[in-house]
mmCIF file of all heavy atoms, coordinates in Angstrom:
data_MODEL
# 
_entry.id   MODEL 
# 
loop_
_atom_site.group_PDB 
_atom_site.id 
_atom_site.type_symbol 
_atom_site.label_atom_id 
_atom_site.label_alt_id 
_atom_site.label_comp_id 
_atom_site.label_asym_id 
_atom_site.label_entity_id 
_atom_site.label_seq_id 
_atom_site.pdbx_PDB_ins_code 
_atom_site.Cartn_x 
_atom_site.Cartn_y 
_atom_site.Cartn_z 
_atom_site.occupancy 
_atom_site.B_iso_or_equiv 
_atom_site.pdbx_formal_charge 
_atom_site.auth_seq_id 
_atom_site.auth_comp_id 
_atom_site.auth_asym_id 
_atom_site.auth_atom_id 
_atom_site.pdbx_PDB_model_num 
ATOM 1   N N   . THR A 1 1  ? -3.940 3.697  -19.768 1.00 0.00 ? 1  THR A N   1 
ATOM 2   C CA  . THR A 1 1  ? -4.664 4.207  -18.602 1.00 0.00 ? 1  THR A CA  1 
ATOM 3   C C   . THR A 1 1  ? -5.184 3.069  -17.734 1.00 0.00 ? 1  THR A C   1 
ATOM 4   O O   . THR A 1 1  ? -5.209 3.175  -16.508 1.00 0.00 ? 1  THR A O   1 
ATOM 5   C CB  . THR A 1 1  ? -5.832 5.104  -19.054 1.00 0.00 ? 1  THR A CB  1 
ATOM 6   O OG1 . THR A 1 1  ? -5.340 6.062  -19.977 1.00 0.00 ? 1  THR A OG1 1 
ATOM 7   C CG2 . THR A 1 1  ? -6.483 5.791  -17.885 1.00 0.00 ? 1  THR A CG2 1 
ATOM 8   N N   . VAL A 1 2  ? -5.593 1.976  -18.372 1.00 0.00 ? 2  VAL A N   1 
ATOM 9   C CA  . VAL A 1 2  ? -6.095 0.821  -17.621 1.00 0.00 ? 2  VAL A CA  1 
ATOM 10  C C   . VAL A 1 2  ? -4.997 0.276  -16.714 1.00 0.00 ? 2  VAL A C   1 
ATOM 11  O O   . VAL A 1 2  ? -5.242 -0.029 -15.546 1.00 0.00 ? 2  VAL A O   1 
ATOM 12  C CB  . VAL A 1 2  ? -6.610 -0.271 -18.585 1.00 0.00 ? 2  VAL A CB  1 
ATOM 13  C CG1 . VAL A 1 2  ? -7.012 -1.525 -17.832 1.00 0.00 ? 2  VAL A CG1 1 
ATOM 14  C CG2 . VAL A 1 2  ? -7.756 0.248  -19.416 1.00 0.00 ? 2  VAL A CG2 1 
ATOM 15  N N   . VAL A 1 3  ? -3.794 0.168  -17.239 1.00 0.00 ? 3  VAL A N   1 
ATOM 16  C CA  . VAL A 1 3  ? -2.666 -0.332 -16.441 1.00 0.00 ? 3  VAL A CA  1 
ATOM 17  C C   . VAL A 1 3  ? -2.376 0.612  -15.279 1.00 0.00 ? 3  VAL A C   1 
ATOM 18  O O   . VAL A 1 3  ? -2.154 0.169  -14.147 1.00 0.00 ? 3  VAL A O   1 
ATOM 19  C CB  . VAL A 1 3  ? -1.402 -0.529 -17.322 1.00 0.00 ? 3  VAL A CB  1 
ATOM 20  C CG1 . VAL A 1 3  ? -0.222 -0.967 -16.481 1.00 0.00 ? 3  VAL A CG1 1 
ATOM 21  C CG2 . VAL A 1 3  ? -1.670 -1.531 -18.417 1.00 0.00 ? 3  VAL A CG2 1 
ATOM 22  N N   . VAL A 1 4  ? -2.410 1.905  -15.538 1.00 0.00 ? 4  VAL A N   1 
ATOM 23  C CA  . VAL A 1 4  ? -2.140 2.891  -14.480 1.00 0.00 ? 4  VAL A CA  1 
ATOM 24  C C   . VAL A 1 4  ? -3.197 2.800  -13.379 1.00 0.00 ? 4  VAL A C   1 
ATOM 25  O O   . VAL A 1 4  ? -2.874 2.836  -12.187 1.00 0.00 ? 4  VAL A O   1 
ATOM 26  C CB  . VAL A 1 4  ? -2.060 4.317  -15.074 1.00 0.00 ? 4  VAL A CB  1 
ATOM 27  C CG1 . VAL A 1 4  ? -1.986 5.358  -13.977 1.00 0.00 ? 4  VAL A CG1 1 
ATOM 28  C CG2 . VAL A 1 4  ? -0.869 4.438  -16.007 1.00 0.00 ? 4  VAL A CG2 1 
ATOM 29  N N   . ILE A 1 5  ? -4.456 2.642  -13.752 1.00 0.00 ? 5  ILE A N   1 
ATOM 30  C CA  . ILE A 1 5  ? -5.530 2.531  -12.758 1.00 0.00 ? 5  ILE A CA  1 
ATOM 31  C C   . ILE A 1 5  ? -5.375 1.249  -11.938 1.00 0.00 ? 5  ILE A C   1 
ATOM 32  O O   . ILE A 1 5  ? -5.497 1.266  -10.706 1.00 0.00 ? 5  ILE A O   1 
ATOM 33  C CB  . ILE A 1 5  ? -6.910 2.600  -13.439 1.00 0.00 ? 5  ILE A CB  1 
ATOM 34  C CG1 . ILE A 1 5  ? -7.146 4.007  -13.994 1.00 0.00 ? 5  ILE A CG1 1 
ATOM 35  C CG2 . ILE A 1 5  ? -8.025 2.198  -12.482 1.00 0.00 ? 5  ILE A CG2 1 
ATOM 36  C CD1 . ILE A 1 5  ? -8.355 4.116  -14.898 1.00 0.00 ? 5  ILE A CD1 1 
ATOM 37  N N   . LEU A 1 6  ? -5.109 0.134  -12.617 1.00 0.00 ? 6  LEU A N   1 
ATOM 38  C CA  . LEU A 1 6  ? -4.891 -1.126 -11.896 1.00 0.00 ? 6  LEU A CA  1 
ATOM 39  C C   . LEU A 1 6  ? -3.672 -1.040 -10.971 1.00 0.00 ? 6  LEU A C   1 
ATOM 40  O O   . LEU A 1 6  ? -3.709 -1.518 -9.832  1.00 0.00 ? 6  LEU A O   1 
ATOM 41  C CB  . LEU A 1 6  ? -4.710 -2.284 -12.884 1.00 0.00 ? 6  LEU A CB  1 
ATOM 42  C CG  . LEU A 1 6  ? -5.944 -2.730 -13.653 1.00 0.00 ? 6  LEU A CG  1 
ATOM 43  C CD1 . LEU A 1 6  ? -5.563 -3.724 -14.740 1.00 0.00 ? 6  LEU A CD1 1 
ATOM 44  C CD2 . LEU A 1 6  ? -6.966 -3.330 -12.712 1.00 0.00 ? 6  LEU A CD2 1 
ATOM 45  N N   . LEU A 1 7  ? -2.614 -0.410 -11.454 1.00 0.00 ? 7  LEU A N   1 
ATOM 46  C CA  . LEU A 1 7  ? -1.396 -0.247 -10.660 1.00 0.00 ? 7  LEU A CA  1 
ATOM 47  C C   . LEU A 1 7  ? -1.670 0.603  -9.424  1.00 0.00 ? 7  LEU A C   1 
ATOM 48  O O   . LEU A 1 7  ? -1.271 0.242  -8.308  1.00 0.00 ? 7  LEU A O   1 
ATOM 49  C CB  . LEU A 1 7  ? -0.302 0.390  -11.515 1.00 0.00 ? 7  LEU A CB  1 
ATOM 50  C CG  . LEU A 1 7  ? 0.992  0.775  -10.812 1.00 0.00 ? 7  LEU A CG  1 
ATOM 51  C CD1 . LEU A 1 7  ? 1.691  -0.448 -10.261 1.00 0.00 ? 7  LEU A CD1 1 
ATOM 52  C CD2 . LEU A 1 7  ? 1.903  1.514  -11.785 1.00 0.00 ? 7  LEU A CD2 1 
ATOM 53  N N   . ALA A 1 8  ? -2.355 1.706  -9.599  1.00 0.00 ? 8  ALA A N   1 
ATOM 54  C CA  . ALA A 1 8  ? -2.672 2.584  -8.464  1.00 0.00 ? 8  ALA A CA  1 
ATOM 55  C C   . ALA A 1 8  ? -3.529 1.857  -7.433  1.00 0.00 ? 8  ALA A C   1 
ATOM 56  O O   . ALA A 1 8  ? -3.284 1.953  -6.217  1.00 0.00 ? 8  ALA A O   1 
ATOM 57  C CB  . ALA A 1 8  ? -3.383 3.845  -8.946  1.00 0.00 ? 8  ALA A CB  1 
ATOM 58  N N   . GLY A 1 9  ? -4.510 1.099  -7.887  1.00 0.00 ? 9  GLY A N   1 
ATOM 59  C CA  . GLY A 1 9  ? -5.349 0.338  -6.969  1.00 0.00 ? 9  GLY A CA  1 
ATOM 60  C C   . GLY A 1 9  ? -4.580 -0.726 -6.217  1.00 0.00 ? 9  GLY A C   1 
ATOM 61  O O   . GLY A 1 9  ? -4.763 -0.916 -5.011  1.00 0.00 ? 9  GLY A O   1 
ATOM 62  N N   . LYS A 1 10 ? -3.687 -1.415 -6.921  1.00 0.00 ? 10 LYS A N   1 
ATOM 63  C CA  . LYS A 1 10 ? -2.894 -2.478 -6.287  1.00 0.00 ? 10 LYS A CA  1 
ATOM 64  C C   . LYS A 1 10 ? -1.945 -1.904 -5.245  1.00 0.00 ? 10 LYS A C   1 
ATOM 65  O O   . LYS A 1 10 ? -1.864 -2.399 -4.123  1.00 0.00 ? 10 LYS A O   1 
ATOM 66  C CB  . LYS A 1 10 ? -2.117 -3.254 -7.346  1.00 0.00 ? 10 LYS A CB  1 
ATOM 67  C CG  . LYS A 1 10 ? -1.330 -4.420 -6.793  1.00 0.00 ? 10 LYS A CG  1 
ATOM 68  C CD  . LYS A 1 10 ? -0.870 -5.318 -7.902  1.00 0.00 ? 10 LYS A CD  1 
ATOM 69  C CE  . LYS A 1 10 ? 0.047  -6.432 -7.499  1.00 0.00 ? 10 LYS A CE  1 
ATOM 70  N NZ  . LYS A 1 10 ? -0.019 -6.921 -6.167  1.00 0.00 ? 10 LYS A NZ  1 
ATOM 71  N N   . ILE A 1 11 ? -1.249 -0.855 -5.597  1.00 0.00 ? 11 ILE A N   1 
ATOM 72  C CA  . ILE A 1 11 ? -0.294 -0.254 -4.654  1.00 0.00 ? 11 ILE A CA  1 
ATOM 73  C C   . ILE A 1 11 ? -1.022 0.379  -3.472  1.00 0.00 ? 11 ILE A C   1 
ATOM 74  O O   . ILE A 1 11 ? -0.617 0.212  -2.313  1.00 0.00 ? 11 ILE A O   1 
ATOM 75  C CB  . ILE A 1 11 ? 0.614  0.756  -5.377  1.00 0.00 ? 11 ILE A CB  1 
ATOM 76  C CG1 . ILE A 1 11 ? 1.559  0.021  -6.334  1.00 0.00 ? 11 ILE A CG1 1 
ATOM 77  C CG2 . ILE A 1 11 ? 1.417  1.572  -4.373  1.00 0.00 ? 11 ILE A CG2 1 
ATOM 78  C CD1 . ILE A 1 11 ? 2.428  0.917  -7.173  1.00 0.00 ? 11 ILE A CD1 1 
ATOM 79  N N   . ALA A 1 12 ? -2.114 1.089  -3.727  1.00 0.00 ? 12 ALA A N   1 
ATOM 80  C CA  . ALA A 1 12 ? -2.859 1.738  -2.640  1.00 0.00 ? 12 ALA A CA  1 
ATOM 81  C C   . ALA A 1 12 ? -3.401 0.705  -1.654  1.00 0.00 ? 12 ALA A C   1 
ATOM 82  O O   . ALA A 1 12 ? -3.303 0.885  -0.435  1.00 0.00 ? 12 ALA A O   1 
ATOM 83  C CB  . ALA A 1 12 ? -3.990 2.582  -3.205  1.00 0.00 ? 12 ALA A CB  1 
ATOM 84  N N   . SER A 1 13 ? -3.968 -0.383 -2.164  1.00 0.00 ? 13 SER A N   1 
ATOM 85  C CA  . SER A 1 13 ? -4.518 -1.392 -1.259  1.00 0.00 ? 13 SER A CA  1 
ATOM 86  C C   . SER A 1 13 ? -3.433 -2.059 -0.434  1.00 0.00 ? 13 SER A C   1 
ATOM 87  O O   . SER A 1 13 ? -3.631 -2.342 0.753   1.00 0.00 ? 13 SER A O   1 
ATOM 88  C CB  . SER A 1 13 ? -5.321 -2.433 -2.041  1.00 0.00 ? 13 SER A CB  1 
ATOM 89  O OG  . SER A 1 13 ? -4.474 -3.171 -2.900  1.00 0.00 ? 13 SER A OG  1 
ATOM 90  N N   . LYS A 1 14 ? -2.283 -2.286 -1.025  1.00 0.00 ? 14 LYS A N   1 
ATOM 91  C CA  . LYS A 1 14 ? -1.177 -2.889 -0.273  1.00 0.00 ? 14 LYS A CA  1 
ATOM 92  C C   . LYS A 1 14 ? -0.654 -1.926 0.789   1.00 0.00 ? 14 LYS A C   1 
ATOM 93  O O   . LYS A 1 14 ? -0.383 -2.327 1.915   1.00 0.00 ? 14 LYS A O   1 
ATOM 94  C CB  . LYS A 1 14 ? -0.035 -3.286 -1.214  1.00 0.00 ? 14 LYS A CB  1 
ATOM 95  C CG  . LYS A 1 14 ? -0.356 -4.428 -2.113  1.00 0.00 ? 14 LYS A CG  1 
ATOM 96  C CD  . LYS A 1 14 ? -0.356 -5.728 -1.349  1.00 0.00 ? 14 LYS A CD  1 
ATOM 97  C CE  . LYS A 1 14 ? -0.461 -6.887 -2.315  1.00 0.00 ? 14 LYS A CE  1 
ATOM 98  N NZ  . LYS A 1 14 ? -0.054 -8.125 -1.736  1.00 0.00 ? 14 LYS A NZ  1 
ATOM 99  N N   . ILE A 1 15 ? -0.514 -0.663 0.439   1.00 0.00 ? 15 ILE A N   1 
ATOM 100 C CA  . ILE A 1 15 ? -0.007 0.311  1.407   1.00 0.00 ? 15 ILE A CA  1 
ATOM 101 C C   . ILE A 1 15 ? -0.971 0.458  2.579   1.00 0.00 ? 15 ILE A C   1 
ATOM 102 O O   . ILE A 1 15 ? -0.558 0.421  3.737   1.00 0.00 ? 15 ILE A O   1 
ATOM 103 C CB  . ILE A 1 15 ? 0.269  1.672  0.727   1.00 0.00 ? 15 ILE A CB  1 
ATOM 104 C CG1 . ILE A 1 15 ? 1.522  1.563  -0.143  1.00 0.00 ? 15 ILE A CG1 1 
ATOM 105 C CG2 . ILE A 1 15 ? 0.434  2.777  1.764   1.00 0.00 ? 15 ILE A CG2 1 
ATOM 106 C CD1 . ILE A 1 15 ? 1.820  2.784  -0.965  1.00 0.00 ? 15 ILE A CD1 1 
ATOM 107 N N   . PHE A 1 16 ? -2.269 0.590  2.290   1.00 0.00 ? 16 PHE A N   1 
ATOM 108 C CA  . PHE A 1 16 ? -3.248 0.751  3.373   1.00 0.00 ? 16 PHE A CA  1 
ATOM 109 C C   . PHE A 1 16 ? -3.338 -0.502 4.238   1.00 0.00 ? 16 PHE A C   1 
ATOM 110 O O   . PHE A 1 16 ? -3.666 -0.419 5.418   1.00 0.00 ? 16 PHE A O   1 
ATOM 111 C CB  . PHE A 1 16 ? -4.624 1.129  2.822   1.00 0.00 ? 16 PHE A CB  1 
ATOM 112 C CG  . PHE A 1 16 ? -4.697 2.536  2.326   1.00 0.00 ? 16 PHE A CG  1 
ATOM 113 C CD1 . PHE A 1 16 ? -5.120 2.810  1.041   1.00 0.00 ? 16 PHE A CD1 1 
ATOM 114 C CD2 . PHE A 1 16 ? -4.332 3.601  3.138   1.00 0.00 ? 16 PHE A CD2 1 
ATOM 115 C CE1 . PHE A 1 16 ? -5.191 4.109  0.571   1.00 0.00 ? 16 PHE A CE1 1 
ATOM 116 C CE2 . PHE A 1 16 ? -4.394 4.907  2.674   1.00 0.00 ? 16 PHE A CE2 1 
ATOM 117 C CZ  . PHE A 1 16 ? -4.827 5.158  1.397   1.00 0.00 ? 16 PHE A CZ  1 
ATOM 118 N N   . GLY A 1 17 ? -3.041 -1.644 3.659   1.00 0.00 ? 17 GLY A N   1 
ATOM 119 C CA  . GLY A 1 17 ? -3.069 -2.881 4.437   1.00 0.00 ? 17 GLY A CA  1 
ATOM 120 C C   . GLY A 1 17 ? -1.791 -3.154 5.204   1.00 0.00 ? 17 GLY A C   1 
ATOM 121 O O   . GLY A 1 17 ? -1.817 -3.727 6.293   1.00 0.00 ? 17 GLY A O   1 
ATOM 122 N N   . LEU A 1 18 ? -0.653 -2.753 4.644   1.00 0.00 ? 18 LEU A N   1 
ATOM 123 C CA  . LEU A 1 18 ? 0.640  -3.085 5.255   1.00 0.00 ? 18 LEU A CA  1 
ATOM 124 C C   . LEU A 1 18 ? 1.183  -2.017 6.203   1.00 0.00 ? 18 LEU A C   1 
ATOM 125 O O   . LEU A 1 18 ? 1.755  -2.348 7.238   1.00 0.00 ? 18 LEU A O   1 
ATOM 126 C CB  . LEU A 1 18 ? 1.683  -3.336 4.161   1.00 0.00 ? 18 LEU A CB  1 
ATOM 127 C CG  . LEU A 1 18 ? 1.559  -4.648 3.417   1.00 0.00 ? 18 LEU A CG  1 
ATOM 128 C CD1 . LEU A 1 18 ? 2.481  -4.652 2.206   1.00 0.00 ? 18 LEU A CD1 1 
ATOM 129 C CD2 . LEU A 1 18 ? 1.888  -5.806 4.326   1.00 0.00 ? 18 LEU A CD2 1 
ATOM 130 N N   . TYR A 1 19 ? 1.042  -0.762 5.851   1.00 0.00 ? 19 TYR A N   1 
ATOM 131 C CA  . TYR A 1 19 ? 1.680  0.297  6.634   1.00 0.00 ? 19 TYR A CA  1 
ATOM 132 C C   . TYR A 1 19 ? 1.291  0.264  8.115   1.00 0.00 ? 19 TYR A C   1 
ATOM 133 O O   . TYR A 1 19 ? 2.161  0.360  8.971   1.00 0.00 ? 19 TYR A O   1 
ATOM 134 C CB  . TYR A 1 19 ? 1.407  1.670  6.028   1.00 0.00 ? 19 TYR A CB  1 
ATOM 135 C CG  . TYR A 1 19 ? 2.207  2.762  6.688   1.00 0.00 ? 19 TYR A CG  1 
ATOM 136 C CD1 . TYR A 1 19 ? 3.531  2.983  6.324   1.00 0.00 ? 19 TYR A CD1 1 
ATOM 137 C CD2 . TYR A 1 19 ? 1.659  3.555  7.685   1.00 0.00 ? 19 TYR A CD2 1 
ATOM 138 C CE1 . TYR A 1 19 ? 4.277  3.979  6.930   1.00 0.00 ? 19 TYR A CE1 1 
ATOM 139 C CE2 . TYR A 1 19 ? 2.395  4.547  8.304   1.00 0.00 ? 19 TYR A CE2 1 
ATOM 140 C CZ  . TYR A 1 19 ? 3.710  4.755  7.920   1.00 0.00 ? 19 TYR A CZ  1 
ATOM 141 O OH  . TYR A 1 19 ? 4.448  5.727  8.536   1.00 0.00 ? 19 TYR A OH  1 
ATOM 142 N N   . PRO A 1 20 ? 0.011  0.121  8.457   1.00 0.00 ? 20 PRO A N   1 
ATOM 143 C CA  . PRO A 1 20 ? -0.329 0.088  9.887   1.00 0.00 ? 20 PRO A CA  1 
ATOM 144 C C   . PRO A 1 20 ? 0.318  -1.084 10.629  1.00 0.00 ? 20 PRO A C   1 
ATOM 145 O O   . PRO A 1 20 ? 0.731  -0.942 11.782  1.00 0.00 ? 20 PRO A O   1 
ATOM 146 C CB  . PRO A 1 20 ? -1.857 -0.054 9.896   1.00 0.00 ? 20 PRO A CB  1 
ATOM 147 C CG  . PRO A 1 20 ? -2.302 0.438  8.569   1.00 0.00 ? 20 PRO A CG  1 
ATOM 148 C CD  . PRO A 1 20 ? -1.196 0.113  7.619   1.00 0.00 ? 20 PRO A CD  1 
ATOM 149 N N   . VAL A 1 21 ? 0.444  -2.220 9.966   1.00 0.00 ? 21 VAL A N   1 
ATOM 150 C CA  . VAL A 1 21 ? 1.063  -3.380 10.611  1.00 0.00 ? 21 VAL A CA  1 
ATOM 151 C C   . VAL A 1 21 ? 2.565  -3.170 10.763  1.00 0.00 ? 21 VAL A C   1 
ATOM 152 O O   . VAL A 1 21 ? 3.145  -3.435 11.815  1.00 0.00 ? 21 VAL A O   1 
ATOM 153 C CB  . VAL A 1 21 ? 0.768  -4.667 9.807   1.00 0.00 ? 21 VAL A CB  1 
ATOM 154 C CG1 . VAL A 1 21 ? 1.482  -5.864 10.416  1.00 0.00 ? 21 VAL A CG1 1 
ATOM 155 C CG2 . VAL A 1 21 ? -0.727 -4.914 9.740   1.00 0.00 ? 21 VAL A CG2 1 
ATOM 156 N N   . VAL A 1 22 ? 3.208  -2.673 9.718   1.00 0.00 ? 22 VAL A N   1 
ATOM 157 C CA  . VAL A 1 22 ? 4.645  -2.414 9.787   1.00 0.00 ? 22 VAL A CA  1 
ATOM 158 C C   . VAL A 1 22 ? 4.939  -1.352 10.845  1.00 0.00 ? 22 VAL A C   1 
ATOM 159 O O   . VAL A 1 22 ? 5.935  -1.437 11.566  1.00 0.00 ? 22 VAL A O   1 
ATOM 160 C CB  . VAL A 1 22 ? 5.192  -1.990 8.399   1.00 0.00 ? 22 VAL A CB  1 
ATOM 161 C CG1 . VAL A 1 22 ? 6.635  -1.545 8.490   1.00 0.00 ? 22 VAL A CG1 1 
ATOM 162 C CG2 . VAL A 1 22 ? 5.068  -3.129 7.410   1.00 0.00 ? 22 VAL A CG2 1 
ATOM 163 N N   . ALA A 1 23 ? 4.067  -0.369 10.970  1.00 0.00 ? 23 ALA A N   1 
ATOM 164 C CA  . ALA A 1 23 ? 4.265  0.706  11.958  1.00 0.00 ? 23 ALA A CA  1 
ATOM 165 C C   . ALA A 1 23 ? 4.260  0.165  13.388  1.00 0.00 ? 23 ALA A C   1 
ATOM 166 O O   . ALA A 1 23 ? 4.875  0.769  14.276  1.00 0.00 ? 23 ALA A O   1 
ATOM 167 C CB  . ALA A 1 23 ? 3.189  1.768  11.801  1.00 0.00 ? 23 ALA A CB  1 
ATOM 168 N N   . LEU A 1 24 ? 3.630  -0.971 13.613  1.00 0.00 ? 24 LEU A N   1 
ATOM 169 C CA  . LEU A 1 24 ? 3.649  -1.574 14.948  1.00 0.00 ? 24 LEU A CA  1 
ATOM 170 C C   . LEU A 1 24 ? 5.027  -2.093 15.323  1.00 0.00 ? 24 LEU A C   1 
ATOM 171 O O   . LEU A 1 24 ? 5.364  -2.179 16.505  1.00 0.00 ? 24 LEU A O   1 
ATOM 172 C CB  . LEU A 1 24 ? 2.642  -2.730 15.022  1.00 0.00 ? 24 LEU A CB  1 
ATOM 173 C CG  . LEU A 1 24 ? 1.166  -2.368 14.905  1.00 0.00 ? 24 LEU A CG  1 
ATOM 174 C CD1 . LEU A 1 24 ? 0.325  -3.638 14.826  1.00 0.00 ? 24 LEU A CD1 1 
ATOM 175 C CD2 . LEU A 1 24 ? 0.735  -1.505 16.077  1.00 0.00 ? 24 LEU A CD2 1 
ATOM 176 N N   . PHE A 1 25 ? 5.828  -2.452 14.318  1.00 0.00 ? 25 PHE A N   1 
ATOM 177 C CA  . PHE A 1 25 ? 7.116  -3.094 14.571  1.00 0.00 ? 25 PHE A CA  1 
ATOM 178 C C   . PHE A 1 25 ? 8.325  -2.219 14.266  1.00 0.00 ? 25 PHE A C   1 
ATOM 179 O O   . PHE A 1 25 ? 9.437  -2.555 14.653  1.00 0.00 ? 25 PHE A O   1 
ATOM 180 C CB  . PHE A 1 25 ? 7.221  -4.387 13.763  1.00 0.00 ? 25 PHE A CB  1 
ATOM 181 C CG  . PHE A 1 25 ? 6.154  -5.375 14.114  1.00 0.00 ? 25 PHE A CG  1 
ATOM 182 C CD1 . PHE A 1 25 ? 5.008  -5.500 13.345  1.00 0.00 ? 25 PHE A CD1 1 
ATOM 183 C CD2 . PHE A 1 25 ? 6.291  -6.172 15.242  1.00 0.00 ? 25 PHE A CD2 1 
ATOM 184 C CE1 . PHE A 1 25 ? 4.023  -6.406 13.676  1.00 0.00 ? 25 PHE A CE1 1 
ATOM 185 C CE2 . PHE A 1 25 ? 5.311  -7.080 15.590  1.00 0.00 ? 25 PHE A CE2 1 
ATOM 186 C CZ  . PHE A 1 25 ? 4.172  -7.196 14.805  1.00 0.00 ? 25 PHE A CZ  1 
ATOM 187 N N   . ARG A 1 26 ? 8.142  -1.134 13.548  1.00 0.00 ? 26 ARG A N   1 
ATOM 188 C CA  . ARG A 1 26 ? 9.251  -0.259 13.166  1.00 0.00 ? 26 ARG A CA  1 
ATOM 189 C C   . ARG A 1 26 ? 8.985  1.154  13.631  1.00 0.00 ? 26 ARG A C   1 
ATOM 190 O O   . ARG A 1 26 ? 7.918  1.708  13.385  1.00 0.00 ? 26 ARG A O   1 
ATOM 191 C CB  . ARG A 1 26 ? 9.462  -0.269 11.654  1.00 0.00 ? 26 ARG A CB  1 
ATOM 192 C CG  . ARG A 1 26 ? 9.835  -1.610 11.104  1.00 0.00 ? 26 ARG A CG  1 
ATOM 193 C CD  . ARG A 1 26 ? 11.185 -2.010 11.604  1.00 0.00 ? 26 ARG A CD  1 
ATOM 194 N NE  . ARG A 1 26 ? 11.474 -3.378 11.205  1.00 0.00 ? 26 ARG A NE  1 
ATOM 195 C CZ  . ARG A 1 26 ? 12.439 -4.087 11.722  1.00 0.00 ? 26 ARG A CZ  1 
ATOM 196 N NH1 . ARG A 1 26 ? 13.209 -3.587 12.655  1.00 0.00 ? 26 ARG A NH1 1 
ATOM 197 N NH2 . ARG A 1 26 ? 12.643 -5.313 11.322  1.00 0.00 ? 26 ARG A NH2 1 
ATOM 198 N N   . ASN A 1 27 ? 9.972  1.775  14.282  1.00 0.00 ? 27 ASN A N   1 
ATOM 199 C CA  . ASN A 1 27 ? 9.808  3.115  14.832  1.00 0.00 ? 27 ASN A CA  1 
ATOM 200 C C   . ASN A 1 27 ? 10.176 4.214  13.848  1.00 0.00 ? 27 ASN A C   1 
ATOM 201 O O   . ASN A 1 27 ? 9.554  5.259  13.825  1.00 0.00 ? 27 ASN A O   1 
ATOM 202 C CB  . ASN A 1 27 ? 10.645 3.280  16.107  1.00 0.00 ? 27 ASN A CB  1 
ATOM 203 C CG  . ASN A 1 27 ? 10.130 2.387  17.217  1.00 0.00 ? 27 ASN A CG  1 
ATOM 204 O OD1 . ASN A 1 27 ? 8.941  2.109  17.295  1.00 0.00 ? 27 ASN A OD1 1 
ATOM 205 N ND2 . ASN A 1 27 ? 11.015 1.925  18.063  1.00 0.00 ? 27 ASN A ND2 1 
ATOM 206 N N   . HIS A 1 28 ? 11.211 3.993  13.058  1.00 0.00 ? 28 HIS A N   1 
ATOM 207 C CA  . HIS A 1 28 ? 11.681 5.027  12.137  1.00 0.00 ? 28 HIS A CA  1 
ATOM 208 C C   . HIS A 1 28 ? 10.769 5.117  10.915  1.00 0.00 ? 28 HIS A C   1 
ATOM 209 O O   . HIS A 1 28 ? 10.364 4.100  10.348  1.00 0.00 ? 28 HIS A O   1 
ATOM 210 C CB  . HIS A 1 28 ? 13.108 4.735  11.677  1.00 0.00 ? 28 HIS A CB  1 
ATOM 211 C CG  . HIS A 1 28 ? 14.107 4.871  12.776  1.00 0.00 ? 28 HIS A CG  1 
ATOM 212 N ND1 . HIS A 1 28 ? 14.385 3.838  13.646  1.00 0.00 ? 28 HIS A ND1 1 
ATOM 213 C CD2 . HIS A 1 28 ? 14.885 5.907  13.143  1.00 0.00 ? 28 HIS A CD2 1 
ATOM 214 C CE1 . HIS A 1 28 ? 15.305 4.236  14.508  1.00 0.00 ? 28 HIS A CE1 1 
ATOM 215 N NE2 . HIS A 1 28 ? 15.623 5.496  14.219  1.00 0.00 ? 28 HIS A NE2 1 
# 
């Protein structure tokens, strides 16, 4: 469970940080 929680936190933080920036450069 510890690994799953750490994994979810790592992926969520990366997505929330990257998606808005990538959306500026990619339309699809």
